[in-house]
Amino acid sequence: MMFNRNQNDMSVDKDDIYTFVFSSLSGNKTNALTANEVSWSVDWSVIPDQKYKIHMSYMGEVNNLDGSKVASVYGNFGTPTNVYFPLDSTTRAAAPSSQFIGFLEMYLLGASAFLHAEDGTNSPIQINGRPRDDTFTIRVLDNAQPAALFTPAVGNLGDYVLTLKFIPVGSRV
């Protein structure tokens, strides 16, 4: 027997996986020329309110990259994550929770390169409930301290497609 669930039916199978696809072309760019800070309006209530492991994948357009900076993806989920960013060695304090989702690898393509991350490139992160911030912003930052928006060696960061796969904690998948 097969059951159909409509969008508003919040009965949950522990093995349900939810994938959100974010194209920088469909979001609102902070700066129209670059894709390093893009926001989307998201109704997160379509997924149950529970803990999730989040897997990220990213595929970017060709950029002029020289490998001098590491690009990392950050997102504002509006709920605590189990990702921590320790402070320097002179400060003994609890490491603050971070919006870090994962880093991007550079792939050379002739004289140019593109940034990408496959599902297994980064360890999944965990959030302790469904996202709460309906204006979801992805920022691609460099590894400077403090971090700044990532920029290629020449020009602006190209557009990309980012997928976030939400797997319920405790799932058998």
C-alpha atoms as a PDB file:
ATOM      1  CA  MET A   1       0.000   0.000   0.000  1.00  0.00           C
ATOM      2  CA  MET A   2       1.358   3.421  -0.920  1.00  0.00           C
ATOM      3  CA  PHE A   3       0.615   6.588   1.029  1.00  0.00           C
ATOM      4  CA  ASN A   4       0.812  10.043  -0.457  1.00  0.00           C
ATOM      5  CA  ARG A   5       1.859  12.856   1.831  1.00  0.00           C
ATOM      6  CA  ASN A   6       0.994  16.388   0.952  1.00  0.00           C
ATOM      7  CA  GLN A   7       3.308  19.290   1.658  1.00  0.00           C
ATOM      8  CA  ASN A   8       1.603  20.187   4.944  1.00  0.00           C
ATOM      9  CA  ASP A   9       1.561  16.669   6.382  1.00  0.00           C
ATOM     10  CA  MET A  10       4.319  16.702   8.992  1.00  0.00           C
ATOM     11  CA  SER A  11       4.296  12.975   9.721  1.00  0.00           C
ATOM     12  CA  VAL A  12       7.941  12.051   9.708  1.00  0.00           C
ATOM     13  CA  ASP A  13       9.828   9.013   8.600  1.00  0.00           C
ATOM     14  CA  LYS A  14      13.204   8.971  10.382  1.00  0.00           C
ATOM     15  CA  ASP A  15      14.836   8.212   7.032  1.00  0.00           C
ATOM     16  CA  ASP A  16      13.408  11.187   5.105  1.00  0.00           C
ATOM     17  CA  ILE A  17      16.122  13.319   3.515  1.00  0.00           C
ATOM     18  CA  TYR A  18      15.494  16.920   2.503  1.00  0.00           C
ATOM     19  CA  THR A  19      17.618  18.614  -0.162  1.00  0.00           C
ATOM     20  CA  PHE A  20      17.637  22.353  -0.807  1.00  0.00           C
ATOM     21  CA  VAL A  21      19.246  23.658  -4.002  1.00  0.00           C
ATOM     22  CA  PHE A  22      20.519  27.245  -3.971  1.00  0.00           C
ATOM     23  CA  SER A  23      21.522  28.823  -7.274  1.00  0.00           C
ATOM     24  CA  SER A  24      23.304  32.145  -6.857  1.00  0.00           C
ATOM     25  CA  LEU A  25      21.521  33.266 -10.039  1.00  0.00           C
ATOM     26  CA  SER A  26      18.118  33.017  -8.311  1.00  0.00           C
ATOM     27  CA  GLY A  27      19.138  34.657  -5.027  1.00  0.00           C
ATOM     28  CA  ASN A  28      19.526  38.287  -4.025  1.00  0.00           C
ATOM     29  CA  LYS A  29      23.167  39.291  -4.317  1.00  0.00           C
ATOM     30  CA  THR A  30      24.511  41.882  -1.877  1.00  0.00           C
ATOM     31  CA  ASN A  31      26.692  43.116  -4.739  1.00  0.00           C
ATOM     32  CA  ALA A  32      25.223  42.427  -8.194  1.00  0.00           C
ATOM     33  CA  LEU A  33      28.687  41.793  -9.646  1.00  0.00           C
ATOM     34  CA  THR A  34      29.746  38.936  -7.370  1.00  0.00           C
ATOM     35  CA  ALA A  35      28.239  35.804  -5.840  1.00  0.00           C
ATOM     36  CA  ASN A  36      30.174  35.834  -2.555  1.00  0.00           C
ATOM     37  CA  GLU A  37      27.135  36.949  -0.500  1.00  0.00           C
ATOM     38  CA  VAL A  38      23.697  35.811  -1.664  1.00  0.00           C
ATOM     39  CA  SER A  39      20.348  35.568   0.170  1.00  0.00           C
ATOM     40  CA  TRP A  40      17.192  33.594  -0.513  1.00  0.00           C
ATOM     41  CA  SER A  41      13.753  33.590   1.083  1.00  0.00           C
ATOM     42  CA  VAL A  42      13.166  30.078   2.446  1.00  0.00           C
ATOM     43  CA  ASP A  43      10.143  28.612   4.223  1.00  0.00           C
ATOM     44  CA  TRP A  44      11.926  26.095   6.430  1.00  0.00           C
ATOM     45  CA  SER A  45       8.607  24.871   7.890  1.00  0.00           C
ATOM     46  CA  VAL A  46       8.422  22.351   5.032  1.00  0.00           C
ATOM     47  CA  ILE A  47      10.794  20.152   7.062  1.00  0.00           C
ATOM     48  CA  PRO A  48      10.160  18.783  10.567  1.00  0.00           C
ATOM     49  CA  ASP A  49      11.710  20.549  13.562  1.00  0.00           C
ATOM     50  CA  GLN A  50      14.430  18.128  14.654  1.00  0.00           C
ATOM     51  CA  LYS A  51      18.207  17.723  14.658  1.00  0.00           C
ATOM     52  CA  TYR A  52      19.869  17.323  11.256  1.00  0.00           C
ATOM     53  CA  LYS A  53      23.228  16.437   9.804  1.00  0.00           C
ATOM     54  CA  ILE A  54      23.839  18.688   6.812  1.00  0.00           C
ATOM     55  CA  HIS A  55      25.921  17.632   3.836  1.00  0.00           C
ATOM     56  CA  MET A  56      27.070  20.292   1.372  1.00  0.00           C
ATOM     57  CA  SER A  57      28.026  20.200  -2.283  1.00  0.00           C
ATOM     58  CA  TYR A  58      29.041  23.204  -4.387  1.00  0.00           C
ATOM     59  CA  MET A  59      29.838  23.754  -8.047  1.00  0.00           C
ATOM     60  CA  GLY A  60      31.081  27.150  -9.152  1.00  0.00           C
ATOM     61  CA  GLU A  61      31.665  28.769 -12.516  1.00  0.00           C
ATOM     62  CA  VAL A  62      35.175  29.392 -13.846  1.00  0.00           C
ATOM     63  CA  ASN A  63      37.218  32.006 -11.949  1.00  0.00           C
ATOM     64  CA  ASN A  64      40.749  33.358 -12.086  1.00  0.00           C
ATOM     65  CA  LEU A  65      42.173  31.705  -8.954  1.00  0.00           C
ATOM     66  CA  ASP A  66      45.784  31.664  -7.849  1.00  0.00           C
ATOM     67  CA  GLY A  67      45.493  29.415  -4.768  1.00  0.00           C
ATOM     68  CA  SER A  68      46.588  32.141  -2.338  1.00  0.00           C
ATOM     69  CA  LYS A  69      43.343  31.979  -0.304  1.00  0.00           C
ATOM     70  CA  VAL A  70      41.091  29.243   1.024  1.00  0.00           C
ATOM     71  CA  ALA A  71      37.394  29.692   0.247  1.00  0.00           C
ATOM     72  CA  SER A  72      34.864  28.561   2.872  1.00  0.00           C
ATOM     73  CA  VAL A  73      31.059  28.564   2.880  1.00  0.00           C
ATOM     74  CA  TYR A  74      29.087  30.037   5.788  1.00  0.00           C
ATOM     75  CA  GLY A  75      25.305  30.080   6.288  1.00  0.00           C
ATOM     76  CA  ASN A  76      22.939  31.604   8.835  1.00  0.00           C
ATOM     77  CA  PHE A  77      20.633  28.822   9.979  1.00  0.00           C
ATOM     78  CA  GLY A  78      19.258  30.749  12.952  1.00  0.00           C
ATOM     79  CA  THR A  79      19.614  27.704  15.198  1.00  0.00           C
ATOM     80  CA  PRO A  80      22.662  26.440  17.111  1.00  0.00           C
ATOM     81  CA  THR A  81      25.131  24.271  15.235  1.00  0.00           C
ATOM     82  CA  ASN A  82      27.626  21.771  16.588  1.00  0.00           C
ATOM     83  CA  VAL A  83      30.426  23.563  14.703  1.00  0.00           C
ATOM     84  CA  TYR A  84      32.943  25.444  16.846  1.00  0.00           C
ATOM     85  CA  PHE A  85      35.674  27.896  15.934  1.00  0.00           C
ATOM     86  CA  PRO A  86      38.350  27.878  18.668  1.00  0.00           C
ATOM     87  CA  LEU A  87      39.956  31.172  19.630  1.00  0.00           C
ATOM     88  CA  ASP A  88      43.684  31.868  19.687  1.00  0.00           C
ATOM     89  CA  SER A  89      45.946  29.998  22.122  1.00  0.00           C
ATOM     90  CA  THR A  90      46.164  32.915  24.574  1.00  0.00           C
ATOM     91  CA  THR A  91      42.417  33.045  25.254  1.00  0.00           C
ATOM     92  CA  ARG A  92      40.903  30.251  27.296  1.00  0.00           C
ATOM     93  CA  ALA A  93      37.190  30.464  26.633  1.00  0.00           C
ATOM     94  CA  ALA A  94      34.501  28.314  25.143  1.00  0.00           C
ATOM     95  CA  ALA A  95      34.852  28.167  21.367  1.00  0.00           C
ATOM     96  CA  PRO A  96      31.964  30.102  19.841  1.00  0.00           C
ATOM     97  CA  SER A  97      29.478  28.289  17.626  1.00  0.00           C
ATOM     98  CA  SER A  98      30.145  29.007  13.969  1.00  0.00           C
ATOM     99  CA  GLN A  99      28.121  29.405  10.773  1.00  0.00           C
ATOM    100  CA  PHE A 100      30.805  27.418   8.910  1.00  0.00           C
ATOM    101  CA  ILE A 101      29.391  24.779   6.544  1.00  0.00           C
ATOM    102  CA  GLY A 102      32.522  23.689   4.692  1.00  0.00           C
ATOM    103  CA  PHE A 103      35.514  24.645   2.579  1.00  0.00           C
ATOM    104  CA  LEU A 104      35.803  24.642  -1.208  1.00  0.00           C
ATOM    105  CA  GLU A 105      38.471  22.961  -3.284  1.00  0.00           C
ATOM    106  CA  MET A 106      40.103  24.630  -6.262  1.00  0.00           C
ATOM    107  CA  TYR A 107      40.117  22.633  -9.468  1.00  0.00           C
ATOM    108  CA  LEU A 108      42.468  23.794 -12.235  1.00  0.00           C
ATOM    109  CA  LEU A 109      41.096  23.966 -15.753  1.00  0.00           C
ATOM    110  CA  GLY A 110      43.828  25.194 -18.099  1.00  0.00           C
ATOM    111  CA  ALA A 111      44.624  28.816 -17.221  1.00  0.00           C
ATOM    112  CA  SER A 112      41.464  29.139 -15.108  1.00  0.00           C
ATOM    113  CA  ALA A 113      39.972  27.280 -12.189  1.00  0.00           C
ATOM    114  CA  PHE A 114      36.694  26.713 -10.416  1.00  0.00           C
ATOM    115  CA  LEU A 115      35.678  26.043  -6.833  1.00  0.00           C
ATOM    116  CA  HIS A 116      33.781  22.932  -5.850  1.00  0.00           C
ATOM    117  CA  ALA A 117      32.966  20.589  -2.996  1.00  0.00           C
ATOM    118  CA  GLU A 118      31.508  17.134  -3.386  1.00  0.00           C
ATOM    119  CA  ASP A 119      29.242  15.582  -0.771  1.00  0.00           C
ATOM    120  CA  GLY A 120      32.212  13.865   0.903  1.00  0.00           C
ATOM    121  CA  THR A 121      34.662  16.796   0.697  1.00  0.00           C
ATOM    122  CA  ASN A 122      33.655  18.086   4.154  1.00  0.00           C
ATOM    123  CA  SER A 123      32.379  16.346   7.253  1.00  0.00           C
ATOM    124  CA  PRO A 124      28.661  16.948   7.709  1.00  0.00           C
ATOM    125  CA  ILE A 125      27.705  19.607  10.230  1.00  0.00           C
ATOM    126  CA  GLN A 126      24.860  19.221  12.718  1.00  0.00           C
ATOM    127  CA  ILE A 127      22.145  21.706  13.605  1.00  0.00           C
ATOM    128  CA  ASN A 128      19.961  21.236  16.660  1.00  0.00           C
ATOM    129  CA  GLY A 129      16.626  22.022  15.013  1.00  0.00           C
ATOM    130  CA  ARG A 130      15.330  23.078  11.637  1.00  0.00           C
ATOM    131  CA  PRO A 131      16.646  26.448  10.432  1.00  0.00           C
ATOM    132  CA  ARG A 132      14.826  29.475  11.843  1.00  0.00           C
ATOM    133  CA  ASP A 133      16.031  32.363   9.690  1.00  0.00           C
ATOM    134  CA  ASP A 134      13.701  32.690   6.683  1.00  0.00           C
ATOM    135  CA  THR A 135      16.196  34.978   4.952  1.00  0.00           C
ATOM    136  CA  PHE A 136      18.976  32.481   4.389  1.00  0.00           C
ATOM    137  CA  THR A 137      22.328  33.962   3.416  1.00  0.00           C
ATOM    138  CA  ILE A 138      25.330  32.118   2.052  1.00  0.00           C
ATOM    139  CA  ARG A 139      28.676  33.881   2.297  1.00  0.00           C
ATOM    140  CA  VAL A 140      31.855  32.623   0.669  1.00  0.00           C
ATOM    141  CA  LEU A 141      34.694  33.881   2.886  1.00  0.00           C
ATOM    142  CA  ASP A 142      38.486  33.718   2.761  1.00  0.00           C
ATOM    143  CA  ASN A 143      40.752  32.430   5.527  1.00  0.00           C
ATOM    144  CA  ALA A 144      41.991  35.851   6.692  1.00  0.00           C
ATOM    145  CA  GLN A 145      41.538  36.877  10.316  1.00  0.00           C
ATOM    146  CA  PRO A 146      39.058  38.399  10.480  1.00  0.00           C
ATOM    147  CA  ALA A 147      37.529  36.642   7.485  1.00  0.00           C
ATOM    148  CA  ALA A 148      36.485  38.739   4.500  1.00  0.00           C
ATOM    149  CA  LEU A 149      34.368  37.991   1.462  1.00  0.00           C
ATOM    150  CA  PHE A 150      36.331  35.700  -0.868  1.00  0.00           C
ATOM    151  CA  THR A 151      37.519  37.269  -4.117  1.00  0.00           C
ATOM    152  CA  PRO A 152      39.396  35.561  -6.945  1.00  0.00           C
ATOM    153  CA  ALA A 153      42.860  36.771  -7.990  1.00  0.00           C
ATOM    154  CA  VAL A 154      41.199  38.790 -10.775  1.00  0.00           C
ATOM    155  CA  GLY A 155      37.543  39.689 -11.162  1.00  0.00           C
ATOM    156  CA  ASN A 156      34.559  38.599  -9.088  1.00  0.00           C
ATOM    157  CA  LEU A 157      33.469  35.251  -7.681  1.00  0.00           C
ATOM    158  CA  GLY A 158      31.427  33.442 -10.316  1.00  0.00           C
ATOM    159  CA  ASP A 159      27.939  32.092  -9.859  1.00  0.00           C
ATOM    160  CA  TYR A 160      27.380  28.665  -8.334  1.00  0.00           C
ATOM    161  CA  VAL A 161      24.909  25.986  -7.361  1.00  0.00           C
ATOM    162  CA  LEU A 162      25.018  24.880  -3.722  1.00  0.00           C
ATOM    163  CA  THR A 163      23.057  21.916  -2.368  1.00  0.00           C
ATOM    164  CA  LEU A 164      22.383  21.276   1.300  1.00  0.00           C
ATOM    165  CA  LYS A 165      21.165  17.779   2.171  1.00  0.00           C
ATOM    166  CA  PHE A 166      19.400  17.562   5.560  1.00  0.00           C
ATOM    167  CA  ILE A 167      19.498  14.074   7.093  1.00  0.00           C
ATOM    168  CA  PRO A 168      17.673  13.589  10.424  1.00  0.00           C
ATOM    169  CA  VAL A 169      20.029  12.649  13.264  1.00  0.00           C
ATOM    170  CA  GLY A 170      19.424   9.000  14.115  1.00  0.00           C
ATOM    171  CA  SER A 171      18.375   8.195  10.561  1.00  0.00           C
ATOM    172  CA  ARG A 172      19.244   4.751   9.236  1.00  0.00           C
ATOM    173  CA  VAL A 173      20.403   6.302   5.924  1.00  0.00           C
END
